[in-house]
Each structure stands twice: as structure tokens, then as C-alpha cells.
Amino acid sequence: MVRSIEQLVEEQARRWRLEQREYKERKREKKPIAKIITLSNAYGSHGIPIAHKIGELTGFTVYDREIVEHIATNARVRVDLVDTLDERAQGAIDDYITGLFRERSFYQDDYARELSKTIVSLWHHGPCVILGHGCCHVVPRSHSLAVRLTGPQAARALRVQSLESLATIEQAKRRVERVDAEREAFIRKFFGVHIDDPLAYDLIINTARYDTQTCAETVVEAYKQRFREA
């Protein structure tokens, strides 16, 4: 039997109403906040390749320190990042940042606030890997696996000498010492903690002992153990 135009339109109208109700219902649902991986790496500890290998193994988006820095210091990109979240998430982020600065000894300036808001916004976008810039101290441990990548200075200097084509190992050692000191000062100033405090992390890996694949797999397995439901 051929349906009439009226029947077809009514059927479509029912679908529209159903879709509208489902849409409104979805809007009322509370989106679960992602469980992510945050990485802190001593200079020369292979942080970037390990982060990207973790991304390959998990399918998570990877935000390395350059990406985080660019977003935090570029007003247009930062606004775009926040605007792509719904209003409820935006309000939750503002409340969280306000509480973070009030309750902890975070450095009170515009850069610290924008950096923290960038990290928290990336977290609210979904499962990801964030590297550097104190992310381990910004995202709560209830929603992140905080990992410190480190190693003996001599081993890290060898990597730096190779990666940066430095003439001597002494140059590489001086560079490692300088960057280590800069990162330690940054974390101490902005977040009021020591960068090598073992209690600030869930997992610490000596990357001189293991290759990139093994380090990444170790992090992923720790994440699975920590957040089985994720």
C-alpha cells in the first residue's frame, strides 16, 4: 500500500520530535571528565618520542610543550579552545581554576592562569597526553596518571649531544644543566613544588634503562591499571 503525503510528513515529524527530545536529553547528560596522562620530563629524557608513542598505543591526542605554550600565549587559539566546550564545561573550568589558585600556592599572574586554563581545557576535551609546563600539578590526580621521565645526567647529555649535533659532551652537559635548572625554577615559581619530588607523580621512569617502546608501554599499562573503566 502506498503511503500518502500526509502519512510521510507525519512520520517525518515524529522523527523530528524524537530527535529533538534525544538532543535535549543529551544536553542534560553530564559528560564524564576524561582520564588523561600527564608527563614531566627531565631534559634529554626522550619525552616527546615517548609521548607520541603513548599516543599511538592509546589513540589519545598528544599535546607537547610547544603546543601547550602556543595555545597558552595565543589569545585567538586559546579562545577557540575554550569556545569549543559547552557552557557547563566552561563554567566548571573557571571554578576549578579559581579554586586551584586559591587553595594551592600557585603563582598569581596572568601567564600562570592562562597556562593552567589551557591545560585544564585540553583535559576537558577528552583523553589525551599532555607533556610539560607543570601539567602534572594542574590536572588533579583523580583524573590523571602523572608520570616523571628522567635519567642520569650523563645519559641525557649523550642524547642531547646527538640530537642537537653539539661538538663536545661537555657542551651537552652544560646545556642539560641549564635546562634542568630552568625547568626546576619554573615549576618552583609557578606551582610551589620541587620538580623531582617523587610524591608528585604516580610513576617515575629512568629512560636510560629502557627504549621508547618499553617506556610507552609501561605508561599505558600503568594507565590501564589505574583507570580500568577508561
C-alpha atoms as a PDB file:
ATOM      1  CA  MET A   1       0.000   0.000   0.000  1.00  0.00           C
ATOM      2  CA  VAL A   2       1.405   3.387  -1.000  1.00  0.00           C
ATOM      3  CA  ARG A   3       1.516   5.847   1.914  1.00  0.00           C
ATOM      4  CA  SER A   4       0.018   9.273   1.438  1.00  0.00           C
ATOM      5  CA  ILE A   5       1.949  12.529   1.641  1.00  0.00           C
ATOM      6  CA  GLU A   6       0.258  13.267   4.957  1.00  0.00           C
ATOM      7  CA  GLN A   7       1.445   9.972   6.395  1.00  0.00           C
ATOM      8  CA  LEU A   8       5.013  10.543   5.188  1.00  0.00           C
ATOM      9  CA  VAL A   9       5.108  14.043   6.666  1.00  0.00           C
ATOM     10  CA  GLU A  10       3.648  12.869   9.953  1.00  0.00           C
ATOM     11  CA  GLU A  11       6.207  10.088  10.114  1.00  0.00           C
ATOM     12  CA  GLN A  12       8.978  12.580   9.495  1.00  0.00           C
ATOM     13  CA  ALA A  13       7.530  14.922  12.095  1.00  0.00           C
ATOM     14  CA  ARG A  14       7.592  12.137  14.670  1.00  0.00           C
ATOM     15  CA  ARG A  15      11.238  11.541  13.870  1.00  0.00           C
ATOM     16  CA  TRP A  16      11.997  15.242  14.233  1.00  0.00           C
ATOM     17  CA  ARG A  17      10.273  15.355  17.620  1.00  0.00           C
ATOM     18  CA  LEU A  18      12.100  12.223  18.734  1.00  0.00           C
ATOM     19  CA  GLU A  19      15.449  13.630  17.602  1.00  0.00           C
ATOM     20  CA  GLN A  20      14.699  16.887  19.394  1.00  0.00           C
ATOM     21  CA  ARG A  21      13.867  15.085  22.650  1.00  0.00           C
ATOM     22  CA  GLU A  22      17.001  12.962  22.346  1.00  0.00           C
ATOM     23  CA  TYR A  23      19.088  16.069  21.665  1.00  0.00           C
ATOM     24  CA  LYS A  24      17.713  17.827  24.730  1.00  0.00           C
ATOM     25  CA  GLU A  25      18.302  14.702  26.786  1.00  0.00           C
ATOM     26  CA  ARG A  26      21.910  14.538  25.619  1.00  0.00           C
ATOM     27  CA  LYS A  27      22.399  18.166  26.548  1.00  0.00           C
ATOM     28  CA  ARG A  28      21.233  17.392  30.085  1.00  0.00           C
ATOM     29  CA  GLU A  29      23.590  14.469  30.426  1.00  0.00           C
ATOM     30  CA  LYS A  30      26.735  15.100  32.391  1.00  0.00           C
ATOM     31  CA  LYS A  31      29.696  14.294  30.191  1.00  0.00           C
ATOM     32  CA  PRO A  32      32.258  12.204  32.064  1.00  0.00           C
ATOM     33  CA  ILE A  33      35.516  14.068  32.565  1.00  0.00           C
ATOM     34  CA  ALA A  34      38.407  12.345  30.807  1.00  0.00           C
ATOM     35  CA  LYS A  35      41.164  10.391  32.466  1.00  0.00           C
ATOM     36  CA  ILE A  36      44.421  11.557  30.895  1.00  0.00           C
ATOM     37  CA  ILE A  37      48.188  11.067  31.024  1.00  0.00           C
ATOM     38  CA  THR A  38      50.426  13.921  32.126  1.00  0.00           C
ATOM     39  CA  LEU A  39      54.176  13.773  31.559  1.00  0.00           C
ATOM     40  CA  SER A  40      57.034  15.677  33.143  1.00  0.00           C
ATOM     41  CA  ASN A  41      60.420  15.060  31.545  1.00  0.00           C
ATOM     42  CA  ALA A  42      63.940  15.931  32.520  1.00  0.00           C
ATOM     43  CA  TYR A  43      65.779  17.418  29.535  1.00  0.00           C
ATOM     44  CA  GLY A  44      67.177  14.685  27.311  1.00  0.00           C
ATOM     45  CA  SER A  45      64.800  12.022  28.663  1.00  0.00           C
ATOM     46  CA  HIS A  46      63.107  11.355  25.320  1.00  0.00           C
ATOM     47  CA  GLY A  47      59.851  12.946  26.455  1.00  0.00           C
ATOM     48  CA  ILE A  48      58.494  13.871  23.014  1.00  0.00           C
ATOM     49  CA  PRO A  49      59.019  10.490  21.303  1.00  0.00           C
ATOM     50  CA  ILE A  50      57.673   8.668  24.348  1.00  0.00           C
ATOM     51  CA  ALA A  51      54.601  10.926  24.451  1.00  0.00           C
ATOM     52  CA  HIS A  52      53.870  10.299  20.769  1.00  0.00           C
ATOM     53  CA  LYS A  53      54.393   6.564  21.157  1.00  0.00           C
ATOM     54  CA  ILE A  54      51.869   6.606  24.015  1.00  0.00           C
ATOM     55  CA  GLY A  55      49.517   8.449  21.666  1.00  0.00           C
ATOM     56  CA  GLU A  56      49.978   5.733  19.035  1.00  0.00           C
ATOM     57  CA  LEU A  57      49.275   2.962  21.535  1.00  0.00           C
ATOM     58  CA  THR A  58      46.185   4.599  23.040  1.00  0.00           C
ATOM     59  CA  GLY A  59      44.761   6.731  20.245  1.00  0.00           C
ATOM     60  CA  PHE A  60      44.969   9.742  22.568  1.00  0.00           C
ATOM     61  CA  THR A  61      45.741  13.203  21.213  1.00  0.00           C
ATOM     62  CA  VAL A  62      49.233  14.360  22.210  1.00  0.00           C
ATOM     63  CA  TYR A  63      49.940  17.934  23.305  1.00  0.00           C
ATOM     64  CA  ASP A  64      53.655  18.517  23.735  1.00  0.00           C
ATOM     65  CA  ARG A  65      55.203  21.505  25.473  1.00  0.00           C
ATOM     66  CA  GLU A  66      55.381  23.610  22.294  1.00  0.00           C
ATOM     67  CA  ILE A  67      51.703  23.083  21.539  1.00  0.00           C
ATOM     68  CA  VAL A  68      50.693  23.922  25.102  1.00  0.00           C
ATOM     69  CA  GLU A  69      52.879  27.041  25.060  1.00  0.00           C
ATOM     70  CA  HIS A  70      51.436  28.200  21.728  1.00  0.00           C
ATOM     71  CA  ILE A  71      47.854  27.823  22.890  1.00  0.00           C
ATOM     72  CA  ALA A  72      48.525  29.490  26.244  1.00  0.00           C
ATOM     73  CA  THR A  73      50.174  32.542  24.649  1.00  0.00           C
ATOM     74  CA  ASN A  74      47.956  32.928  21.563  1.00  0.00           C
ATOM     75  CA  ALA A  75      44.720  34.647  22.574  1.00  0.00           C
ATOM     76  CA  ARG A  76      42.779  33.662  19.437  1.00  0.00           C
ATOM     77  CA  VAL A  77      43.713  29.981  19.652  1.00  0.00           C
ATOM     78  CA  ARG A  78      43.044  29.945  23.395  1.00  0.00           C
ATOM     79  CA  VAL A  79      39.582  31.433  22.922  1.00  0.00           C
ATOM     80  CA  ASP A  80      38.835  28.894  20.182  1.00  0.00           C
ATOM     81  CA  LEU A  81      39.877  26.088  22.510  1.00  0.00           C
ATOM     82  CA  VAL A  82      37.542  27.213  25.288  1.00  0.00           C
ATOM     83  CA  ASP A  83      34.657  28.125  22.958  1.00  0.00           C
ATOM     84  CA  THR A  84      34.506  24.579  21.578  1.00  0.00           C
ATOM     85  CA  LEU A  85      33.492  23.369  25.050  1.00  0.00           C
ATOM     86  CA  ASP A  86      29.891  23.630  26.174  1.00  0.00           C
ATOM     87  CA  GLU A  87      28.875  26.311  28.662  1.00  0.00           C
ATOM     88  CA  ARG A  88      28.711  23.883  31.564  1.00  0.00           C
ATOM     89  CA  ALA A  89      32.289  22.746  30.944  1.00  0.00           C
ATOM     90  CA  GLN A  90      33.465  26.346  30.630  1.00  0.00           C
ATOM     91  CA  GLY A  91      31.896  27.183  33.986  1.00  0.00           C
ATOM     92  CA  ALA A  92      33.438  24.109  35.588  1.00  0.00           C
ATOM     93  CA  ILE A  93      36.876  25.096  34.286  1.00  0.00           C
ATOM     94  CA  ASP A  94      36.579  28.644  35.641  1.00  0.00           C
ATOM     95  CA  ASP A  95      35.502  27.318  39.036  1.00  0.00           C
ATOM     96  CA  TYR A  96      38.315  24.767  39.078  1.00  0.00           C
ATOM     97  CA  ILE A  97      40.986  27.335  38.169  1.00  0.00           C
ATOM     98  CA  THR A  98      39.702  29.757  40.817  1.00  0.00           C
ATOM     99  CA  GLY A  99      39.845  27.031  43.449  1.00  0.00           C
ATOM    100  CA  LEU A 100      43.254  25.873  42.272  1.00  0.00           C
ATOM    101  CA  PHE A 101      44.828  29.290  42.734  1.00  0.00           C
ATOM    102  CA  ARG A 102      43.034  29.939  45.999  1.00  0.00           C
ATOM    103  CA  GLU A 103      43.813  26.640  47.688  1.00  0.00           C
ATOM    104  CA  ARG A 104      47.333  25.978  46.415  1.00  0.00           C
ATOM    105  CA  SER A 105      50.439  28.141  46.271  1.00  0.00           C
ATOM    106  CA  PHE A 106      50.293  28.776  42.517  1.00  0.00           C
ATOM    107  CA  TYR A 107      51.981  31.927  41.286  1.00  0.00           C
ATOM    108  CA  GLN A 108      49.395  34.655  40.829  1.00  0.00           C
ATOM    109  CA  ASP A 109      49.911  36.201  37.397  1.00  0.00           C
ATOM    110  CA  ASP A 110      48.157  36.234  34.025  1.00  0.00           C
ATOM    111  CA  TYR A 111      50.517  33.770  32.364  1.00  0.00           C
ATOM    112  CA  ALA A 112      50.140  31.200  35.156  1.00  0.00           C
ATOM    113  CA  ARG A 113      46.369  31.495  34.962  1.00  0.00           C
ATOM    114  CA  GLU A 114      46.218  31.227  31.158  1.00  0.00           C
ATOM    115  CA  LEU A 115      48.654  28.308  31.149  1.00  0.00           C
ATOM    116  CA  SER A 116      46.598  26.472  33.756  1.00  0.00           C
ATOM    117  CA  LYS A 117      43.346  27.209  31.921  1.00  0.00           C
ATOM    118  CA  THR A 118      44.858  25.889  28.682  1.00  0.00           C
ATOM    119  CA  ILE A 119      45.912  22.623  30.327  1.00  0.00           C
ATOM    120  CA  VAL A 120      42.538  22.167  32.031  1.00  0.00           C
ATOM    121  CA  SER A 121      40.666  22.920  28.785  1.00  0.00           C
ATOM    122  CA  LEU A 122      42.716  20.321  26.900  1.00  0.00           C
ATOM    123  CA  TRP A 123      41.879  17.839  29.640  1.00  0.00           C
ATOM    124  CA  HIS A 124      38.150  18.617  29.318  1.00  0.00           C
ATOM    125  CA  HIS A 125      38.271  17.960  25.572  1.00  0.00           C
ATOM    126  CA  GLY A 126      38.857  14.265  26.147  1.00  0.00           C
ATOM    127  CA  PRO A 127      41.513  11.611  26.731  1.00  0.00           C
ATOM    128  CA  CYS A 128      44.948  12.956  25.836  1.00  0.00           C
ATOM    129  CA  VAL A 129      48.635  13.035  26.667  1.00  0.00           C
ATOM    130  CA  ILE A 130      49.992  16.387  27.883  1.00  0.00           C
ATOM    131  CA  LEU A 131      53.732  16.968  28.177  1.00  0.00           C
ATOM    132  CA  GLY A 132      55.458  19.623  30.261  1.00  0.00           C
ATOM    133  CA  HIS A 133      54.603  23.047  31.658  1.00  0.00           C
ATOM    134  CA  GLY A 134      53.588  21.682  35.054  1.00  0.00           C
ATOM    135  CA  CYS A 135      50.611  19.726  33.710  1.00  0.00           C
ATOM    136  CA  CYS A 136      51.181  17.066  36.375  1.00  0.00           C
ATOM    137  CA  HIS A 137      50.476  19.702  39.033  1.00  0.00           C
ATOM    138  CA  VAL A 138      47.451  21.271  37.330  1.00  0.00           C
ATOM    139  CA  VAL A 139      45.268  18.268  36.460  1.00  0.00           C
ATOM    140  CA  PRO A 140      44.014  16.506  39.618  1.00  0.00           C
ATOM    141  CA  ARG A 141      45.486  13.094  40.309  1.00  0.00           C
ATOM    142  CA  SER A 142      41.982  11.631  40.429  1.00  0.00           C
ATOM    143  CA  HIS A 143      41.790  12.207  36.662  1.00  0.00           C
ATOM    144  CA  SER A 144      45.379  11.788  35.531  1.00  0.00           C
ATOM    145  CA  LEU A 145      48.279   9.396  35.584  1.00  0.00           C
ATOM    146  CA  ALA A 146      51.181  11.681  36.455  1.00  0.00           C
ATOM    147  CA  VAL A 147      54.494  10.410  35.070  1.00  0.00           C
ATOM    148  CA  ARG A 148      58.039  11.698  35.501  1.00  0.00           C
ATOM    149  CA  LEU A 149      60.592  10.747  32.823  1.00  0.00           C
ATOM    150  CA  THR A 150      64.179  11.172  33.952  1.00  0.00           C
ATOM    151  CA  GLY A 151      67.624   9.580  33.906  1.00  0.00           C
ATOM    152  CA  PRO A 152      71.278  10.095  34.822  1.00  0.00           C
ATOM    153  CA  GLN A 153      72.674  13.388  33.599  1.00  0.00           C
ATOM    154  CA  ALA A 154      75.450  11.657  31.631  1.00  0.00           C
ATOM    155  CA  ALA A 155      72.985   9.543  29.631  1.00  0.00           C
ATOM    156  CA  ARG A 156      70.769  12.535  28.946  1.00  0.00           C
ATOM    157  CA  ALA A 157      73.766  14.596  27.854  1.00  0.00           C
ATOM    158  CA  LEU A 158      74.710  11.932  25.303  1.00  0.00           C
ATOM    159  CA  ARG A 159      71.210  12.100  23.834  1.00  0.00           C
ATOM    160  CA  VAL A 160      71.282  15.888  23.721  1.00  0.00           C
ATOM    161  CA  GLN A 161      74.708  15.911  22.056  1.00  0.00           C
ATOM    162  CA  SER A 162      73.394  13.602  19.332  1.00  0.00           C
ATOM    163  CA  LEU A 163      70.042  15.308  18.839  1.00  0.00           C
ATOM    164  CA  GLU A 164      71.451  18.841  18.766  1.00  0.00           C
ATOM    165  CA  SER A 165      74.725  17.985  16.989  1.00  0.00           C
ATOM    166  CA  LEU A 166      76.852  19.558  19.715  1.00  0.00           C
ATOM    167  CA  ALA A 167      80.605  19.368  19.262  1.00  0.00           C
ATOM    168  CA  THR A 168      81.521  18.011  22.692  1.00  0.00           C
ATOM    169  CA  ILE A 169      79.902  16.129  25.532  1.00  0.00           C
ATOM    170  CA  GLU A 170      80.859  18.993  27.842  1.00  0.00           C
ATOM    171  CA  GLN A 171      78.671  21.353  25.812  1.00  0.00           C
ATOM    172  CA  ALA A 172      75.817  18.888  26.101  1.00  0.00           C
ATOM    173  CA  LYS A 173      76.289  18.559  29.866  1.00  0.00           C
ATOM    174  CA  ARG A 174      76.212  22.334  30.307  1.00  0.00           C
ATOM    175  CA  ARG A 175      73.048  22.537  28.227  1.00  0.00           C
ATOM    176  CA  VAL A 176      71.378  19.788  30.256  1.00  0.00           C
ATOM    177  CA  GLU A 177      72.357  21.542  33.491  1.00  0.00           C
ATOM    178  CA  ARG A 178      70.987  24.853  32.245  1.00  0.00           C
ATOM    179  CA  VAL A 179      67.651  23.493  31.005  1.00  0.00           C
ATOM    180  CA  ASP A 180      67.213  21.359  34.124  1.00  0.00           C
ATOM    181  CA  ALA A 181      67.750  24.455  36.260  1.00  0.00           C
ATOM    182  CA  GLU A 182      65.296  26.495  34.147  1.00  0.00           C
ATOM    183  CA  ARG A 183      62.581  23.851  34.409  1.00  0.00           C
ATOM    184  CA  GLU A 184      63.141  23.415  38.147  1.00  0.00           C
ATOM    185  CA  ALA A 185      62.882  27.197  38.652  1.00  0.00           C
ATOM    186  CA  PHE A 186      59.720  27.349  36.519  1.00  0.00           C
ATOM    187  CA  ILE A 187      57.938  24.615  38.466  1.00  0.00           C
ATOM    188  CA  ARG A 188      59.046  26.008  41.819  1.00  0.00           C
ATOM    189  CA  LYS A 189      57.960  29.561  40.919  1.00  0.00           C
ATOM    190  CA  PHE A 190      54.602  28.816  39.308  1.00  0.00           C
ATOM    191  CA  PHE A 191      53.441  25.750  41.237  1.00  0.00           C
ATOM    192  CA  GLY A 192      55.358  25.904  44.504  1.00  0.00           C
ATOM    193  CA  VAL A 193      56.721  22.352  44.305  1.00  0.00           C
ATOM    194  CA  HIS A 194      60.047  20.658  43.579  1.00  0.00           C
ATOM    195  CA  ILE A 195      60.179  19.132  40.106  1.00  0.00           C
ATOM    196  CA  ASP A 196      61.822  15.923  41.370  1.00  0.00           C
ATOM    197  CA  ASP A 197      59.527  15.358  44.347  1.00  0.00           C
ATOM    198  CA  PRO A 198      58.632  11.647  43.945  1.00  0.00           C
ATOM    199  CA  LEU A 199      55.289  12.133  45.680  1.00  0.00           C
ATOM    200  CA  ALA A 200      54.192  14.465  42.876  1.00  0.00           C
ATOM    201  CA  TYR A 201      53.981  11.529  40.449  1.00  0.00           C
ATOM    202  CA  ASP A 202      52.336   8.131  40.144  1.00  0.00           C
ATOM    203  CA  LEU A 203      55.168   6.669  38.085  1.00  0.00           C
ATOM    204  CA  ILE A 204      58.843   7.598  37.591  1.00  0.00           C
ATOM    205  CA  ILE A 205      60.814   6.006  34.751  1.00  0.00           C
ATOM    206  CA  ASN A 206      64.569   6.020  34.223  1.00  0.00           C
ATOM    207  CA  THR A 207      64.550   6.321  30.428  1.00  0.00           C
ATOM    208  CA  ALA A 208      68.249   5.469  30.219  1.00  0.00           C
ATOM    209  CA  ARG A 209      67.310   1.882  31.065  1.00  0.00           C
ATOM    210  CA  TYR A 210      64.555   1.331  28.508  1.00  0.00           C
ATOM    211  CA  ASP A 211      63.801   2.153  24.890  1.00  0.00           C
ATOM    212  CA  THR A 212      60.936   4.389  23.765  1.00  0.00           C
ATOM    213  CA  GLN A 213      58.562   1.495  23.086  1.00  0.00           C
ATOM    214  CA  THR A 214      59.091  -0.061  26.515  1.00  0.00           C
ATOM    215  CA  CYS A 215      58.689   3.276  28.308  1.00  0.00           C
ATOM    216  CA  ALA A 216      55.457   3.983  26.443  1.00  0.00           C
ATOM    217  CA  GLU A 217      54.071   0.506  27.064  1.00  0.00           C
ATOM    218  CA  THR A 218      54.893   0.833  30.766  1.00  0.00           C
ATOM    219  CA  VAL A 219      52.970   4.104  30.974  1.00  0.00           C
ATOM    220  CA  VAL A 220      49.997   2.667  29.088  1.00  0.00           C
ATOM    221  CA  GLU A 221      49.859  -0.402  31.316  1.00  0.00           C
ATOM    222  CA  ALA A 222      50.013   1.794  34.425  1.00  0.00           C
ATOM    223  CA  TYR A 223      47.167   3.892  32.999  1.00  0.00           C
ATOM    224  CA  LYS A 224      45.070   0.768  32.403  1.00  0.00           C
ATOM    225  CA  GLN A 225      45.706  -0.432  35.928  1.00  0.00           C
ATOM    226  CA  ARG A 226      44.858   2.971  37.381  1.00  0.00           C
ATOM    227  CA  PHE A 227      41.740   3.648  35.333  1.00  0.00           C
ATOM    228  CA  ARG A 228      40.279   0.297  34.378  1.00  0.00           C
ATOM    229  CA  GLU A 229      36.929   1.799  33.410  1.00  0.00           C
ATOM    230  CA  ALA A 230      38.619   4.163  30.928  1.00  0.00           C
END
